[in-house]
N, C-alpha and C. Protein backbone atom coordinates (compact mmCIF):
# COMPACT_ATOMS: atom_id res chain seq x y z
N MET A 1 2.21 6.59 11.38
CA MET A 1 3.29 5.69 11.06
C MET A 1 3.76 5.88 9.62
N GLY A 2 2.84 6.18 8.72
CA GLY A 2 3.21 6.36 7.32
C GLY A 2 4.24 7.46 7.14
N LYS A 3 4.04 8.58 7.83
CA LYS A 3 4.98 9.69 7.70
C LYS A 3 6.38 9.25 8.10
N THR A 4 6.48 8.54 9.21
CA THR A 4 7.78 8.08 9.69
C THR A 4 8.42 7.13 8.69
N MET A 5 7.63 6.22 8.14
CA MET A 5 8.16 5.28 7.15
C MET A 5 8.71 6.01 5.93
N PHE A 6 7.95 7.00 5.45
CA PHE A 6 8.37 7.67 4.23
C PHE A 6 9.51 8.66 4.47
N LEU A 7 9.64 9.18 5.68
CA LEU A 7 10.83 9.96 6.01
C LEU A 7 12.07 9.08 5.89
N ASN A 8 11.96 7.83 6.33
CA ASN A 8 13.07 6.89 6.15
C ASN A 8 13.37 6.66 4.68
N HIS A 9 12.35 6.51 3.87
CA HIS A 9 12.57 6.34 2.42
C HIS A 9 13.33 7.54 1.86
N LEU A 10 12.91 8.74 2.24
CA LEU A 10 13.56 9.95 1.74
C LEU A 10 15.01 10.04 2.22
N ARG A 11 15.26 9.67 3.47
CA ARG A 11 16.64 9.69 3.99
C ARG A 11 17.54 8.72 3.23
N HIS A 12 16.96 7.68 2.66
CA HIS A 12 17.73 6.71 1.90
C HIS A 12 17.64 6.95 0.39
N CYS A 13 17.30 8.19 0.02
CA CYS A 13 17.35 8.68 -1.37
C CYS A 13 16.32 8.04 -2.30
N PHE A 14 15.20 7.56 -1.76
CA PHE A 14 14.12 7.11 -2.62
C PHE A 14 13.31 8.34 -3.03
N LYS A 15 12.79 8.33 -4.24
CA LYS A 15 11.87 9.37 -4.66
C LYS A 15 10.50 9.00 -4.10
N VAL A 16 9.85 9.97 -3.47
CA VAL A 16 8.57 9.72 -2.83
C VAL A 16 7.58 10.79 -3.27
N THR A 17 6.40 10.34 -3.67
CA THR A 17 5.28 11.24 -3.96
C THR A 17 4.21 10.95 -2.92
N VAL A 18 3.71 11.98 -2.26
CA VAL A 18 2.77 11.79 -1.17
C VAL A 18 1.43 12.44 -1.46
N TRP A 19 0.41 11.87 -0.85
CA TRP A 19 -0.93 12.44 -0.84
C TRP A 19 -1.54 12.11 0.50
N ASN A 20 -2.33 13.02 1.02
CA ASN A 20 -3.04 12.79 2.26
C ASN A 20 -4.38 13.47 2.16
N ARG A 21 -5.40 12.86 2.76
CA ARG A 21 -6.72 13.47 2.76
C ARG A 21 -6.67 14.82 3.47
N THR A 22 -5.73 15.00 4.37
CA THR A 22 -5.49 16.27 5.06
C THR A 22 -4.14 16.78 4.56
N LEU A 23 -4.17 17.67 3.59
CA LEU A 23 -2.98 18.06 2.85
C LEU A 23 -1.83 18.58 3.73
N PHE A 24 -2.13 19.34 4.79
CA PHE A 24 -1.05 19.89 5.61
C PHE A 24 -0.19 18.80 6.24
N LYS A 25 -0.70 17.58 6.34
CA LYS A 25 0.09 16.50 6.92
C LYS A 25 1.24 16.07 6.01
N CYS A 26 1.25 16.56 4.78
CA CYS A 26 2.33 16.26 3.84
C CYS A 26 3.50 17.23 3.96
N GLU A 27 3.32 18.33 4.66
CA GLU A 27 4.32 19.41 4.67
C GLU A 27 5.71 18.96 5.08
N GLU A 28 5.82 18.18 6.16
CA GLU A 28 7.15 17.75 6.61
C GLU A 28 7.84 16.88 5.57
N LEU A 29 7.08 16.04 4.90
CA LEU A 29 7.67 15.20 3.84
C LEU A 29 8.12 16.05 2.66
N VAL A 30 7.36 17.06 2.31
CA VAL A 30 7.73 17.96 1.22
C VAL A 30 9.00 18.73 1.59
N GLU A 31 9.14 19.11 2.86
CA GLU A 31 10.37 19.78 3.32
C GLU A 31 11.60 18.88 3.13
N HIS A 32 11.38 17.56 3.11
CA HIS A 32 12.47 16.60 2.91
C HIS A 32 12.51 16.11 1.46
N CYS A 33 11.94 16.89 0.54
CA CYS A 33 12.03 16.67 -0.91
C CYS A 33 11.04 15.66 -1.49
N ALA A 34 9.99 15.33 -0.78
CA ALA A 34 8.92 14.53 -1.39
C ALA A 34 8.14 15.45 -2.32
N SER A 35 7.54 14.87 -3.34
CA SER A 35 6.64 15.65 -4.19
C SER A 35 5.20 15.32 -3.79
N ILE A 36 4.29 16.17 -4.21
CA ILE A 36 2.88 16.02 -3.83
C ILE A 36 2.09 15.49 -5.02
N GLY A 37 1.21 14.53 -4.74
CA GLY A 37 0.20 14.10 -5.70
C GLY A 37 -1.11 14.69 -5.22
N GLU A 38 -1.82 15.37 -6.09
CA GLU A 38 -3.04 16.08 -5.68
C GLU A 38 -4.16 15.12 -5.31
N THR A 39 -4.13 13.92 -5.85
CA THR A 39 -5.16 12.90 -5.62
C THR A 39 -4.49 11.53 -5.64
N PRO A 40 -5.19 10.48 -5.19
CA PRO A 40 -4.60 9.14 -5.32
C PRO A 40 -4.28 8.78 -6.77
N VAL A 41 -5.15 9.15 -7.70
CA VAL A 41 -4.89 8.82 -9.10
C VAL A 41 -3.64 9.55 -9.61
N ALA A 42 -3.38 10.75 -9.12
CA ALA A 42 -2.17 11.47 -9.52
C ALA A 42 -0.92 10.75 -9.04
N VAL A 43 -0.99 10.15 -7.86
CA VAL A 43 0.15 9.38 -7.34
C VAL A 43 0.37 8.15 -8.21
N VAL A 44 -0.70 7.45 -8.55
CA VAL A 44 -0.58 6.25 -9.40
C VAL A 44 0.03 6.61 -10.75
N LYS A 45 -0.38 7.72 -11.33
CA LYS A 45 0.18 8.16 -12.62
C LYS A 45 1.69 8.36 -12.54
N LYS A 46 2.17 8.94 -11.43
CA LYS A 46 3.59 9.28 -11.29
C LYS A 46 4.48 8.12 -10.86
N CYS A 47 3.90 7.12 -10.20
CA CYS A 47 4.72 6.12 -9.52
C CYS A 47 4.47 4.70 -10.03
N LYS A 48 5.51 3.91 -10.03
CA LYS A 48 5.37 2.50 -10.38
C LYS A 48 4.63 1.77 -9.26
N TYR A 49 4.95 2.10 -8.01
CA TYR A 49 4.31 1.48 -6.86
C TYR A 49 3.66 2.56 -6.01
N THR A 50 2.42 2.33 -5.63
CA THR A 50 1.68 3.22 -4.76
C THR A 50 1.47 2.49 -3.45
N ILE A 51 1.88 3.10 -2.34
CA ILE A 51 1.74 2.50 -1.02
C ILE A 51 0.70 3.30 -0.24
N ALA A 52 -0.28 2.59 0.29
CA ALA A 52 -1.34 3.23 1.08
C ALA A 52 -1.19 2.85 2.55
N MET A 53 -1.28 3.84 3.42
CA MET A 53 -1.30 3.65 4.88
C MET A 53 -2.54 4.41 5.36
N LEU A 54 -3.65 3.69 5.49
CA LEU A 54 -4.92 4.35 5.80
C LEU A 54 -5.48 3.86 7.13
N SER A 55 -6.36 4.68 7.71
CA SER A 55 -6.79 4.46 9.09
C SER A 55 -7.85 3.38 9.27
N ASP A 56 -8.64 3.10 8.25
CA ASP A 56 -9.74 2.15 8.44
C ASP A 56 -10.22 1.61 7.09
N PRO A 57 -11.09 0.60 7.11
CA PRO A 57 -11.57 0.01 5.85
C PRO A 57 -12.29 1.02 4.94
N PHE A 58 -13.07 1.93 5.51
CA PHE A 58 -13.76 2.92 4.69
C PHE A 58 -12.77 3.75 3.89
N ALA A 59 -11.71 4.21 4.55
CA ALA A 59 -10.68 5.02 3.87
C ALA A 59 -9.98 4.18 2.80
N ALA A 60 -9.67 2.92 3.12
CA ALA A 60 -8.98 2.06 2.15
C ALA A 60 -9.82 1.85 0.89
N LEU A 61 -11.12 1.63 1.07
CA LEU A 61 -12.01 1.45 -0.09
C LEU A 61 -12.18 2.75 -0.86
N SER A 62 -12.31 3.87 -0.16
CA SER A 62 -12.49 5.17 -0.82
C SER A 62 -11.32 5.53 -1.71
N VAL A 63 -10.10 5.32 -1.22
CA VAL A 63 -8.90 5.68 -1.98
C VAL A 63 -8.82 4.88 -3.28
N VAL A 64 -9.35 3.68 -3.28
CA VAL A 64 -9.31 2.86 -4.50
C VAL A 64 -10.50 3.17 -5.41
N PHE A 65 -11.71 3.21 -4.87
CA PHE A 65 -12.91 3.19 -5.70
C PHE A 65 -13.57 4.54 -5.98
N LYS A 66 -13.35 5.55 -5.16
CA LYS A 66 -14.02 6.84 -5.37
C LYS A 66 -13.41 7.60 -6.54
N LYS A 67 -14.04 8.72 -6.91
CA LYS A 67 -13.53 9.58 -7.99
C LYS A 67 -12.08 9.97 -7.68
N ASP A 68 -11.25 9.95 -8.71
CA ASP A 68 -9.81 10.23 -8.59
C ASP A 68 -9.09 9.20 -7.73
N GLY A 69 -9.63 7.98 -7.68
CA GLY A 69 -9.02 6.92 -6.90
C GLY A 69 -8.05 6.08 -7.72
N VAL A 70 -7.41 5.16 -7.03
CA VAL A 70 -6.40 4.29 -7.62
C VAL A 70 -6.93 3.54 -8.83
N LEU A 71 -8.17 3.09 -8.77
CA LEU A 71 -8.77 2.30 -9.85
C LEU A 71 -8.72 2.99 -11.21
N GLU A 72 -8.75 4.31 -11.22
CA GLU A 72 -8.79 5.04 -12.48
C GLU A 72 -7.53 4.86 -13.32
N LYS A 73 -6.38 4.61 -12.70
CA LYS A 73 -5.13 4.52 -13.47
C LYS A 73 -4.28 3.29 -13.20
N ILE A 74 -4.71 2.42 -12.31
CA ILE A 74 -3.91 1.22 -12.07
C ILE A 74 -3.95 0.37 -13.34
N CYS A 75 -2.83 -0.13 -13.75
CA CYS A 75 -2.77 -0.93 -14.98
C CYS A 75 -1.50 -1.77 -14.97
N GLU A 76 -1.34 -2.51 -16.00
CA GLU A 76 -0.16 -3.36 -16.12
C GLU A 76 1.10 -2.53 -15.89
N GLY A 77 2.01 -3.07 -15.09
CA GLY A 77 3.25 -2.36 -14.78
C GLY A 77 3.16 -1.48 -13.54
N LYS A 78 1.98 -1.39 -12.93
CA LYS A 78 1.78 -0.58 -11.72
C LYS A 78 1.44 -1.51 -10.57
N GLY A 79 1.86 -1.15 -9.37
CA GLY A 79 1.55 -1.93 -8.19
C GLY A 79 0.91 -1.09 -7.12
N TYR A 80 -0.02 -1.69 -6.38
CA TYR A 80 -0.69 -1.03 -5.27
C TYR A 80 -0.45 -1.85 -4.02
N ILE A 81 0.19 -1.25 -3.02
CA ILE A 81 0.53 -1.92 -1.78
C ILE A 81 -0.29 -1.29 -0.67
N ASP A 82 -1.19 -2.07 -0.09
CA ASP A 82 -2.05 -1.56 0.98
C ASP A 82 -1.49 -1.99 2.32
N MET A 83 -0.91 -1.04 3.04
CA MET A 83 -0.30 -1.30 4.34
C MET A 83 -1.27 -0.99 5.47
N SER A 84 -2.51 -0.69 5.14
CA SER A 84 -3.54 -0.46 6.15
C SER A 84 -3.92 -1.80 6.76
N THR A 85 -4.43 -1.75 7.98
CA THR A 85 -4.94 -2.98 8.58
C THR A 85 -6.45 -2.97 8.39
N VAL A 86 -6.89 -3.68 7.36
CA VAL A 86 -8.32 -3.77 7.07
C VAL A 86 -8.74 -5.23 7.17
N ASP A 87 -10.04 -5.44 7.24
CA ASP A 87 -10.56 -6.80 7.36
C ASP A 87 -10.39 -7.57 6.05
N ALA A 88 -10.53 -8.87 6.15
CA ALA A 88 -10.30 -9.76 5.00
C ALA A 88 -11.23 -9.45 3.83
N ASP A 89 -12.50 -9.19 4.11
CA ASP A 89 -13.46 -8.93 3.02
C ASP A 89 -13.07 -7.69 2.22
N ASN A 90 -12.72 -6.62 2.91
CA ASN A 90 -12.37 -5.39 2.19
C ASN A 90 -11.05 -5.52 1.45
N SER A 91 -10.09 -6.20 2.02
CA SER A 91 -8.84 -6.42 1.31
C SER A 91 -9.08 -7.24 0.05
N SER A 92 -9.91 -8.24 0.16
CA SER A 92 -10.25 -9.06 -1.01
C SER A 92 -10.98 -8.25 -2.06
N LYS A 93 -11.89 -7.36 -1.63
CA LYS A 93 -12.61 -6.50 -2.59
C LYS A 93 -11.63 -5.66 -3.40
N ILE A 94 -10.68 -5.06 -2.70
CA ILE A 94 -9.69 -4.22 -3.39
C ILE A 94 -8.92 -5.06 -4.40
N SER A 95 -8.49 -6.21 -3.99
CA SER A 95 -7.71 -7.08 -4.87
C SER A 95 -8.54 -7.62 -6.02
N MET A 96 -9.67 -8.22 -5.72
CA MET A 96 -10.44 -8.95 -6.72
C MET A 96 -11.17 -8.02 -7.69
N ILE A 97 -11.70 -6.91 -7.21
CA ILE A 97 -12.48 -6.04 -8.07
C ILE A 97 -11.60 -5.01 -8.77
N ALA A 98 -10.78 -4.31 -8.00
CA ALA A 98 -10.05 -3.17 -8.55
C ALA A 98 -8.89 -3.56 -9.43
N LEU A 99 -8.26 -4.67 -9.18
CA LEU A 99 -7.00 -4.92 -9.84
C LEU A 99 -7.03 -6.13 -10.77
N LYS A 100 -8.20 -6.61 -11.10
CA LYS A 100 -8.33 -7.70 -12.07
C LYS A 100 -8.31 -7.13 -13.48
N SER A 101 -8.07 -7.99 -14.44
CA SER A 101 -8.04 -7.55 -15.83
C SER A 101 -9.41 -7.09 -16.30
N GLU A 102 -9.48 -5.90 -16.78
CA GLU A 102 -10.65 -5.36 -17.44
C GLU A 102 -10.18 -4.13 -18.21
N THR A 103 -10.87 -3.78 -19.23
CA THR A 103 -10.45 -2.65 -20.04
C THR A 103 -11.30 -1.44 -19.73
N ARG A 104 -10.64 -0.34 -19.45
CA ARG A 104 -11.30 0.95 -19.23
C ARG A 104 -10.50 1.98 -20.00
N GLY A 105 -11.10 2.59 -20.96
CA GLY A 105 -10.38 3.57 -21.77
C GLY A 105 -9.26 2.87 -22.51
N ASN A 106 -8.06 3.43 -22.44
CA ASN A 106 -6.91 2.88 -23.15
C ASN A 106 -6.08 1.92 -22.30
N CYS A 107 -6.44 1.77 -21.04
CA CYS A 107 -5.58 1.04 -20.12
C CYS A 107 -6.21 -0.28 -19.71
N LYS A 108 -5.53 -1.37 -19.95
CA LYS A 108 -5.99 -2.66 -19.47
C LYS A 108 -5.66 -2.75 -17.99
N LYS A 109 -6.67 -2.96 -17.17
CA LYS A 109 -6.47 -3.00 -15.72
C LYS A 109 -5.95 -4.37 -15.31
N CYS A 110 -4.73 -4.45 -14.94
CA CYS A 110 -4.21 -5.68 -14.34
C CYS A 110 -2.97 -5.33 -13.53
N GLY A 111 -3.13 -4.34 -12.69
CA GLY A 111 -2.04 -3.97 -11.81
C GLY A 111 -1.84 -5.03 -10.75
N GLN A 112 -0.74 -4.94 -10.05
CA GLN A 112 -0.44 -5.89 -8.99
C GLN A 112 -0.93 -5.33 -7.65
N PHE A 113 -1.38 -6.22 -6.78
CA PHE A 113 -1.85 -5.82 -5.46
C PHE A 113 -1.10 -6.62 -4.41
N LEU A 114 -0.61 -5.91 -3.40
CA LEU A 114 0.04 -6.56 -2.27
C LEU A 114 -0.65 -6.08 -1.00
N GLU A 115 -1.22 -7.02 -0.26
CA GLU A 115 -1.78 -6.73 1.06
C GLU A 115 -0.60 -6.81 2.02
N ALA A 116 -0.30 -5.73 2.73
CA ALA A 116 0.92 -5.70 3.55
C ALA A 116 0.71 -4.90 4.84
N PRO A 117 -0.18 -5.34 5.73
CA PRO A 117 -0.37 -4.60 6.97
C PRO A 117 0.90 -4.57 7.81
N VAL A 118 1.05 -3.47 8.52
CA VAL A 118 2.26 -3.22 9.32
C VAL A 118 1.96 -3.50 10.79
N SER A 119 2.92 -4.11 11.44
CA SER A 119 2.83 -4.32 12.88
C SER A 119 4.01 -3.61 13.52
N GLY A 120 3.73 -2.73 14.46
CA GLY A 120 4.80 -2.00 15.10
C GLY A 120 4.29 -0.66 15.60
N SER A 121 5.20 0.16 16.05
CA SER A 121 4.84 1.47 16.56
C SER A 121 5.86 2.50 16.06
N LYS A 122 5.78 3.70 16.61
CA LYS A 122 6.62 4.80 16.12
C LYS A 122 8.12 4.49 16.20
N LYS A 123 8.59 3.97 17.31
CA LYS A 123 10.03 3.71 17.47
C LYS A 123 10.55 2.68 16.46
N PRO A 124 9.90 1.51 16.31
CA PRO A 124 10.36 0.59 15.27
C PRO A 124 10.28 1.20 13.86
N ALA A 125 9.27 2.06 13.62
CA ALA A 125 9.18 2.72 12.32
C ALA A 125 10.37 3.65 12.10
N GLU A 126 10.74 4.41 13.13
CA GLU A 126 11.90 5.31 13.04
C GLU A 126 13.18 4.53 12.77
N ASP A 127 13.27 3.34 13.37
CA ASP A 127 14.48 2.52 13.24
C ASP A 127 14.45 1.60 12.02
N GLY A 128 13.38 1.64 11.24
CA GLY A 128 13.26 0.75 10.08
C GLY A 128 13.12 -0.71 10.50
N GLN A 129 12.45 -0.96 11.62
CA GLN A 129 12.34 -2.31 12.16
C GLN A 129 10.89 -2.79 12.28
N LEU A 130 10.02 -2.32 11.42
CA LEU A 130 8.62 -2.76 11.45
C LEU A 130 8.49 -4.19 10.93
N VAL A 131 7.46 -4.86 11.38
CA VAL A 131 7.11 -6.17 10.85
C VAL A 131 6.01 -5.94 9.82
N ILE A 132 6.23 -6.42 8.61
CA ILE A 132 5.26 -6.25 7.54
C ILE A 132 4.82 -7.63 7.08
N LEU A 133 3.54 -7.91 7.25
CA LEU A 133 2.97 -9.16 6.77
C LEU A 133 2.63 -8.94 5.30
N ALA A 134 2.79 -9.94 4.47
CA ALA A 134 2.54 -9.74 3.04
C ALA A 134 1.71 -10.87 2.45
N ALA A 135 0.74 -10.48 1.64
CA ALA A 135 -0.07 -11.47 0.94
C ALA A 135 -0.35 -10.95 -0.46
N GLU A 136 -0.24 -11.83 -1.42
CA GLU A 136 -0.61 -11.47 -2.79
C GLU A 136 -1.12 -12.71 -3.49
N GLU A 137 -1.83 -12.49 -4.53
CA GLU A 137 -2.60 -13.53 -5.19
C GLU A 137 -1.80 -14.71 -5.71
N LYS A 138 -0.62 -14.47 -6.24
CA LYS A 138 0.11 -15.52 -6.94
C LYS A 138 1.01 -16.36 -6.04
N ILE A 139 1.19 -15.93 -4.81
CA ILE A 139 2.10 -16.64 -3.91
C ILE A 139 1.28 -17.16 -2.74
N SER A 140 1.46 -18.40 -2.39
CA SER A 140 0.72 -18.95 -1.28
C SER A 140 1.62 -19.85 -0.45
N GLN A 141 1.68 -19.57 0.84
CA GLN A 141 2.39 -20.40 1.80
C GLN A 141 3.86 -20.63 1.44
N GLU A 142 4.56 -19.61 0.99
CA GLU A 142 5.97 -19.73 0.66
C GLU A 142 6.77 -18.81 1.56
N VAL A 143 7.96 -19.22 1.89
CA VAL A 143 8.82 -18.41 2.74
C VAL A 143 9.97 -17.86 1.89
N TYR A 144 10.24 -16.56 2.02
CA TYR A 144 11.33 -15.91 1.30
C TYR A 144 12.28 -15.28 2.30
N TYR A 145 13.55 -15.26 1.98
CA TYR A 145 14.55 -14.61 2.82
C TYR A 145 15.26 -13.54 2.01
N TYR A 146 15.40 -12.36 2.56
CA TYR A 146 16.13 -11.28 1.91
C TYR A 146 16.98 -10.61 2.97
N LYS A 147 18.27 -10.77 2.87
CA LYS A 147 19.21 -10.26 3.87
C LYS A 147 18.74 -10.73 5.25
N HIS A 148 18.44 -9.82 6.16
CA HIS A 148 18.04 -10.19 7.51
C HIS A 148 16.53 -10.30 7.67
N LEU A 149 15.78 -10.10 6.59
CA LEU A 149 14.33 -10.13 6.68
C LEU A 149 13.78 -11.48 6.29
N LYS A 150 12.73 -11.88 6.95
CA LYS A 150 12.05 -13.13 6.63
C LYS A 150 10.61 -12.78 6.26
N PHE A 151 10.17 -13.21 5.09
CA PHE A 151 8.82 -12.95 4.63
C PHE A 151 8.05 -14.25 4.57
N PHE A 152 6.87 -14.26 5.16
CA PHE A 152 5.97 -15.40 5.03
C PHE A 152 4.75 -14.87 4.33
N THR A 153 4.50 -15.36 3.15
CA THR A 153 3.38 -14.81 2.38
C THR A 153 2.23 -15.81 2.33
N VAL A 154 1.03 -15.27 2.36
CA VAL A 154 -0.18 -16.07 2.31
C VAL A 154 -1.13 -15.44 1.31
N THR A 155 -2.25 -16.09 1.04
CA THR A 155 -3.21 -15.52 0.10
C THR A 155 -3.92 -14.31 0.72
N ILE A 156 -4.40 -13.42 -0.14
CA ILE A 156 -5.05 -12.19 0.29
C ILE A 156 -6.26 -12.49 1.15
N GLY A 157 -6.39 -11.73 2.22
CA GLY A 157 -7.49 -11.88 3.15
C GLY A 157 -7.12 -12.70 4.38
N CYS A 158 -6.08 -13.50 4.29
CA CYS A 158 -5.68 -14.35 5.42
C CYS A 158 -5.00 -13.55 6.52
N LEU A 159 -4.36 -12.46 6.19
CA LEU A 159 -3.58 -11.73 7.19
C LEU A 159 -4.44 -11.15 8.29
N TRP A 160 -5.63 -10.68 7.95
CA TRP A 160 -6.53 -10.16 8.97
C TRP A 160 -6.87 -11.26 9.97
N ARG A 161 -7.15 -12.45 9.46
CA ARG A 161 -7.48 -13.57 10.35
C ARG A 161 -6.29 -13.92 11.23
N VAL A 162 -5.10 -13.89 10.67
CA VAL A 162 -3.89 -14.20 11.45
C VAL A 162 -3.68 -13.16 12.54
N SER A 163 -3.82 -11.87 12.20
CA SER A 163 -3.53 -10.80 13.17
C SER A 163 -4.60 -10.71 14.25
N HIS A 164 -5.81 -11.19 13.97
CA HIS A 164 -6.89 -11.11 14.95
C HIS A 164 -7.14 -12.43 15.68
N HIS A 165 -6.43 -13.47 15.31
CA HIS A 165 -6.56 -14.76 15.96
C HIS A 165 -5.16 -15.36 16.15
N PRO A 166 -4.37 -14.79 17.07
CA PRO A 166 -2.99 -15.24 17.24
C PRO A 166 -2.94 -16.71 17.67
N ILE A 167 -1.82 -17.32 17.33
CA ILE A 167 -1.62 -18.74 17.65
C ILE A 167 -1.46 -18.91 19.15
């Protein structure tokens, strides 16, 4: 789904830098003028916002915490958007541990984190019609409207419970 989403970004003239654990999966995006980040940290260095679309909680944690991960360069003025569907505990770990204020080297760590799992399939992704749930630390239980989109935001970790326990 990530590839389809970012092809849409490229078609609409957004600059996109991509990284994948399996590098050849980036080829089609590069053919459409995306640039390559050799590691997650390289993507964070180049981009104001880094969007992750990962397959499972282990991958989501690895991209943030392992060597050359997001944690190494996330700082004030940078945002990390996790569009993976991970459980509440792991999403909270990423938010609470990786993106809180602390000093490492020259960079004060206080990047922004948005938990934003995607609901949909290939066709809605191609059409730009995915449903994206959003949660971030500073906004709780507020509704926002932007053009034809409706956003309902909740605190981090709640989205997993919502998606796994429908009303």
